[in-house]
Amino acid sequence: MQRQTRDERSRFAPHLLAAAAAILPMFGLTIWMYVIREEVPSVAEFFLGPLLFGGGMIFWLLLLHVVVCRDDLQSLGFRRNGLLRDLLVGCAMGVAFLLLKFLEKPVLNALFTPRPPSEEIIMLLRAVSADPMLLALWLGPVVWIGIATFEELWRAFVLRRLWNVFPGQLREWAVLLAVSALIGLAHGYQGPAAIVSIGMKSVLMGWYFKQTGRIRPLIVAHAVYDSIQVIMAVIAIRGY
């Protein structure tokens, strides 16, 4: 019995270590950016930060997945077929999540004191609204690589690692809820309403990944969701 326990620990250790290696950098950056750091990030940092950190984390997650855990890319949801379907499903999901945000807003505002956009977010929106090149850069590589691909790959990777350690429907759902809570807390700088809103959407996205094993629709949905909100803010700032 003791030998079996050691064998289980040996088998699960790479997955637990890999999950920790994915979680710690993300939350370390979050704490530094919104708790420790005092000065407001510059516009350049808003662009370089997601590209450098997100791009680096994509490489790091894939390295952990393939080399440390000896897993294949299909288990992360990168399927060879169904590209057009994934694109269409992702667009529909992005719009649906946006509609859900507007529907839930009155309820969350009643539960939590609404928090206005932070100074740095207003600065960023003003910058992209005044410069079409910055807007294109933000809606292009920043959103698609530094935000959507990185965050959805992080979700899929951590879920896969912990599901390997805690198999079974109930434990897999517990992992999904815990990871969704972590993702919500990572957006805590936006206020408690955002934690709840993003956490709930994360549960839905995690459920979709659990049911289908596909990541491309989640990347598309995330990018569409963020992009539409930025475009709406730019239109409001420009006064169209």
Protein backbone atom coordinates (compact mmCIF):
# COMPACT_ATOMS: atom_id res chain seq x y z
CA MET A 1 0.00 0.00 0.00
CA GLN A 2 2.84 2.37 0.83
CA ARG A 3 4.59 1.51 -2.42
CA GLN A 4 1.40 2.30 -4.36
CA THR A 5 1.21 5.70 -2.70
CA ARG A 6 4.79 6.47 -3.71
CA ASP A 7 4.06 5.35 -7.27
CA GLU A 8 1.01 7.62 -7.42
CA ARG A 9 3.00 10.55 -6.12
CA SER A 10 5.72 9.88 -8.69
CA ARG A 11 3.13 9.78 -11.47
CA PHE A 12 1.27 12.89 -10.34
CA ALA A 13 4.29 15.00 -9.37
CA PRO A 14 5.10 16.30 -12.88
CA HIS A 15 1.50 17.46 -13.36
CA LEU A 16 1.36 19.23 -9.99
CA LEU A 17 4.74 20.88 -10.53
CA ALA A 18 3.77 21.93 -14.04
CA ALA A 19 0.48 23.42 -12.79
CA ALA A 20 2.36 25.36 -10.12
CA ALA A 21 4.89 26.52 -12.71
CA ALA A 22 2.00 27.90 -14.77
CA ILE A 23 0.08 29.50 -11.90
CA LEU A 24 2.90 31.25 -10.05
CA PRO A 25 4.17 33.52 -12.86
CA MET A 26 0.66 34.68 -13.73
CA PHE A 27 -0.26 35.62 -10.19
CA GLY A 28 3.19 36.96 -9.44
CA LEU A 29 2.76 39.44 -12.28
CA THR A 30 -0.78 40.29 -11.15
CA ILE A 31 0.38 41.05 -7.61
CA TRP A 32 3.31 43.11 -8.82
CA MET A 33 1.24 45.12 -11.30
CA TYR A 34 -1.74 45.90 -9.09
CA VAL A 35 -0.50 45.59 -5.50
CA ILE A 36 3.23 46.27 -5.29
CA ARG A 37 3.78 48.64 -8.19
CA GLU A 38 2.78 52.22 -7.51
CA GLU A 39 3.34 54.10 -10.78
CA VAL A 40 0.83 53.92 -13.64
CA PRO A 41 2.05 51.83 -16.61
CA SER A 42 2.89 53.76 -19.76
CA VAL A 43 1.07 53.19 -23.04
CA ALA A 44 4.12 51.36 -24.39
CA GLU A 45 4.05 48.97 -21.41
CA PHE A 46 0.40 48.19 -22.11
CA PHE A 47 1.42 46.95 -25.56
CA LEU A 48 4.78 45.36 -24.80
CA GLY A 49 3.64 43.74 -21.54
CA PRO A 50 1.00 41.40 -23.00
CA LEU A 51 3.11 40.61 -26.05
CA LEU A 52 6.29 39.81 -24.12
CA PHE A 53 4.74 38.17 -21.06
CA GLY A 54 1.89 36.48 -22.93
CA GLY A 55 4.15 35.31 -25.74
CA GLY A 56 6.74 34.08 -23.26
CA MET A 57 4.10 32.25 -21.24
CA ILE A 58 2.77 30.55 -24.37
CA PHE A 59 6.25 29.16 -25.02
CA TRP A 60 6.64 28.22 -21.34
CA LEU A 61 3.29 26.42 -21.19
CA LEU A 62 3.98 24.46 -24.36
CA LEU A 63 7.43 23.52 -23.05
CA LEU A 64 5.93 22.26 -19.79
CA HIS A 65 3.20 20.39 -21.62
CA VAL A 66 5.37 18.64 -24.20
CA VAL A 67 8.72 18.21 -22.42
CA VAL A 68 7.89 17.98 -18.71
CA CYS A 69 4.49 16.26 -18.90
CA ARG A 70 5.21 14.44 -22.18
CA ASP A 71 1.77 15.21 -23.51
CA ASP A 72 0.58 16.00 -27.04
CA LEU A 73 -0.96 19.20 -28.36
CA GLN A 74 -4.30 17.59 -29.09
CA SER A 75 -4.95 17.21 -25.37
CA LEU A 76 -4.75 21.01 -25.13
CA GLY A 77 -7.49 21.31 -27.73
CA PHE A 78 -5.46 21.96 -30.88
CA ARG A 79 -7.42 19.68 -33.19
CA ARG A 80 -6.52 19.36 -36.85
CA ASN A 81 -10.07 19.43 -38.17
CA GLY A 82 -13.00 21.82 -37.84
CA LEU A 83 -11.16 25.13 -38.22
CA LEU A 84 -14.08 26.96 -39.86
CA ARG A 85 -16.56 25.54 -37.35
CA ASP A 86 -14.33 26.60 -34.47
CA LEU A 87 -14.16 30.12 -35.90
CA LEU A 88 -17.94 30.40 -36.24
CA VAL A 89 -18.61 28.88 -32.81
CA GLY A 90 -16.01 31.18 -31.25
CA CYS A 91 -17.58 34.30 -32.80
CA ALA A 92 -21.03 33.23 -31.58
CA MET A 93 -19.67 32.54 -28.09
CA GLY A 94 -17.94 35.93 -27.95
CA VAL A 95 -21.16 37.75 -28.83
CA ALA A 96 -23.15 35.60 -26.38
CA PHE A 97 -20.72 36.41 -23.55
CA LEU A 98 -21.02 40.10 -24.37
CA LEU A 99 -24.82 39.91 -24.21
CA LEU A 100 -24.53 38.02 -20.92
CA LYS A 101 -22.37 40.82 -19.54
CA PHE A 102 -25.03 43.42 -20.30
CA LEU A 103 -27.76 41.22 -18.83
CA GLU A 104 -25.86 40.55 -15.61
CA LYS A 105 -24.68 44.13 -15.14
CA PRO A 106 -27.80 45.44 -13.29
CA VAL A 107 -27.70 42.49 -10.88
CA LEU A 108 -23.98 42.85 -10.16
CA ASN A 109 -24.30 46.61 -9.76
CA ALA A 110 -27.01 46.01 -7.18
CA LEU A 111 -24.78 43.60 -5.26
CA PHE A 112 -21.49 45.51 -5.55
CA THR A 113 -20.68 49.19 -5.73
CA PRO A 114 -19.84 49.93 -9.39
CA ARG A 115 -16.17 50.76 -9.91
CA PRO A 116 -15.27 53.26 -12.66
CA PRO A 117 -12.53 52.33 -15.13
CA SER A 118 -9.04 52.77 -13.70
CA GLU A 119 -6.80 55.65 -14.72
CA GLU A 120 -4.55 53.42 -16.79
CA ILE A 121 -7.45 51.87 -18.71
CA ILE A 122 -8.81 55.32 -19.58
CA MET A 123 -5.31 56.35 -20.71
CA LEU A 124 -5.04 53.26 -22.91
CA LEU A 125 -8.46 53.78 -24.50
CA ARG A 126 -7.69 57.40 -25.25
CA ALA A 127 -4.39 56.41 -26.85
CA VAL A 128 -5.89 53.77 -29.15
CA SER A 129 -8.85 56.00 -30.02
CA ALA A 130 -6.46 58.74 -31.17
CA ASP A 131 -4.10 56.55 -33.21
CA PRO A 132 -5.46 54.02 -35.76
CA MET A 133 -2.12 52.19 -35.81
CA LEU A 134 -2.22 51.65 -32.05
CA LEU A 135 -5.83 50.49 -32.34
CA ALA A 136 -4.88 47.99 -35.05
CA LEU A 137 -1.93 46.76 -32.98
CA TRP A 138 -4.14 46.31 -29.92
CA LEU A 139 -6.95 44.55 -31.79
CA GLY A 140 -4.40 42.42 -33.64
CA PRO A 141 -1.41 40.78 -31.96
CA VAL A 142 -2.00 42.17 -28.45
CA VAL A 143 -5.55 40.80 -28.10
CA TRP A 144 -5.09 37.63 -30.15
CA ILE A 145 -1.65 36.56 -28.90
CA GLY A 146 -0.87 38.39 -25.67
CA ILE A 147 -4.34 38.07 -24.15
CA ALA A 148 -6.71 35.55 -25.77
CA THR A 149 -4.28 32.80 -26.82
CA PHE A 150 -2.20 33.08 -23.65
CA GLU A 151 -5.14 33.09 -21.22
CA GLU A 152 -7.04 30.28 -22.94
CA LEU A 153 -3.90 28.17 -23.27
CA TRP A 154 -3.24 28.79 -19.58
CA ARG A 155 -6.78 27.68 -18.73
CA ALA A 156 -6.55 24.51 -20.84
CA PHE A 157 -3.08 23.65 -19.56
CA VAL A 158 -3.87 24.05 -15.85
CA LEU A 159 -7.16 22.18 -16.21
CA ARG A 160 -5.48 19.28 -18.01
CA ARG A 161 -2.71 19.04 -15.47
CA LEU A 162 -5.03 19.05 -12.46
CA TRP A 163 -7.59 16.76 -14.10
CA ASN A 164 -4.80 14.19 -14.47
CA VAL A 165 -4.15 14.44 -10.74
CA PHE A 166 -7.81 14.54 -9.67
CA PRO A 167 -9.80 12.30 -12.07
CA GLY A 168 -13.52 11.70 -11.77
CA GLN A 169 -16.52 13.90 -12.52
CA LEU A 170 -16.89 15.51 -9.10
CA ARG A 171 -13.19 16.21 -8.67
CA GLU A 172 -12.87 17.51 -12.24
CA TRP A 173 -15.73 19.91 -11.61
CA ALA A 174 -14.10 21.00 -8.34
CA VAL A 175 -10.90 21.70 -10.28
CA LEU A 176 -12.83 23.64 -12.93
CA LEU A 177 -14.52 25.80 -10.29
CA ALA A 178 -11.23 26.41 -8.48
CA VAL A 179 -9.41 27.41 -11.68
CA SER A 180 -12.32 29.67 -12.65
CA ALA A 181 -12.11 31.34 -9.24
CA LEU A 182 -8.38 31.90 -9.75
CA ILE A 183 -9.04 33.51 -13.14
CA GLY A 184 -11.69 35.74 -11.60
CA LEU A 185 -9.34 36.78 -8.79
CA ALA A 186 -6.60 37.57 -11.33
CA HIS A 187 -8.95 40.30 -12.61
CA GLY A 188 -9.60 41.62 -9.11
CA TYR A 189 -8.17 45.03 -10.01
CA GLN A 190 -11.43 45.60 -11.92
CA GLY A 191 -13.50 45.24 -8.76
CA PRO A 192 -15.64 42.52 -7.11
CA ALA A 193 -18.30 42.63 -9.83
CA ALA A 194 -15.66 41.80 -12.44
CA ILE A 195 -14.36 38.91 -10.30
CA VAL A 196 -17.83 37.37 -10.22
CA SER A 197 -18.60 38.11 -13.87
CA ILE A 198 -15.31 36.79 -15.24
CA GLY A 199 -15.40 33.84 -12.86
CA MET A 200 -18.86 32.79 -14.11
CA LYS A 201 -17.80 33.11 -17.75
CA SER A 202 -14.70 31.11 -16.94
CA VAL A 203 -16.88 28.29 -15.63
CA LEU A 204 -18.79 28.26 -18.92
CA MET A 205 -15.60 28.28 -20.96
CA GLY A 206 -14.07 25.55 -18.83
CA TRP A 207 -17.23 23.49 -19.22
CA TYR A 208 -17.06 23.90 -23.01
CA PHE A 209 -13.42 22.77 -23.00
CA LYS A 210 -14.31 19.81 -20.78
CA GLN A 211 -17.13 18.74 -23.11
CA THR A 212 -15.43 19.28 -26.46
CA GLY A 213 -11.69 19.31 -25.81
CA ARG A 214 -11.31 22.21 -28.27
CA ILE A 215 -9.43 25.41 -27.53
CA ARG A 216 -9.72 27.40 -30.77
CA PRO A 217 -13.34 28.47 -30.17
CA LEU A 218 -12.33 29.76 -26.73
CA ILE A 219 -9.47 31.80 -28.17
CA VAL A 220 -11.76 33.30 -30.82
CA ALA A 221 -14.52 33.98 -28.28
CA HIS A 222 -12.09 35.70 -25.91
CA ALA A 223 -10.63 37.87 -28.68
CA VAL A 224 -14.06 38.81 -30.06
CA TYR A 225 -15.37 39.60 -26.56
CA ASP A 226 -12.46 41.91 -25.74
CA SER A 227 -12.27 43.48 -29.20
CA ILE A 228 -15.93 44.47 -29.36
CA GLN A 229 -15.69 46.17 -25.97
CA VAL A 230 -12.61 48.14 -27.04
CA ILE A 231 -14.29 49.17 -30.30
CA MET A 232 -17.39 50.30 -28.41
CA ALA A 233 -15.26 52.34 -26.01
CA VAL A 234 -13.35 53.94 -28.88
CA ILE A 235 -16.62 54.86 -30.62
CA ALA A 236 -17.88 56.42 -27.38
CA ILE A 237 -14.66 58.41 -26.88
CA ARG A 238 -14.65 59.69 -30.45
CA GLY A 239 -18.29 60.67 -30.08
CA TYR A 240 -19.62 58.96 -33.19
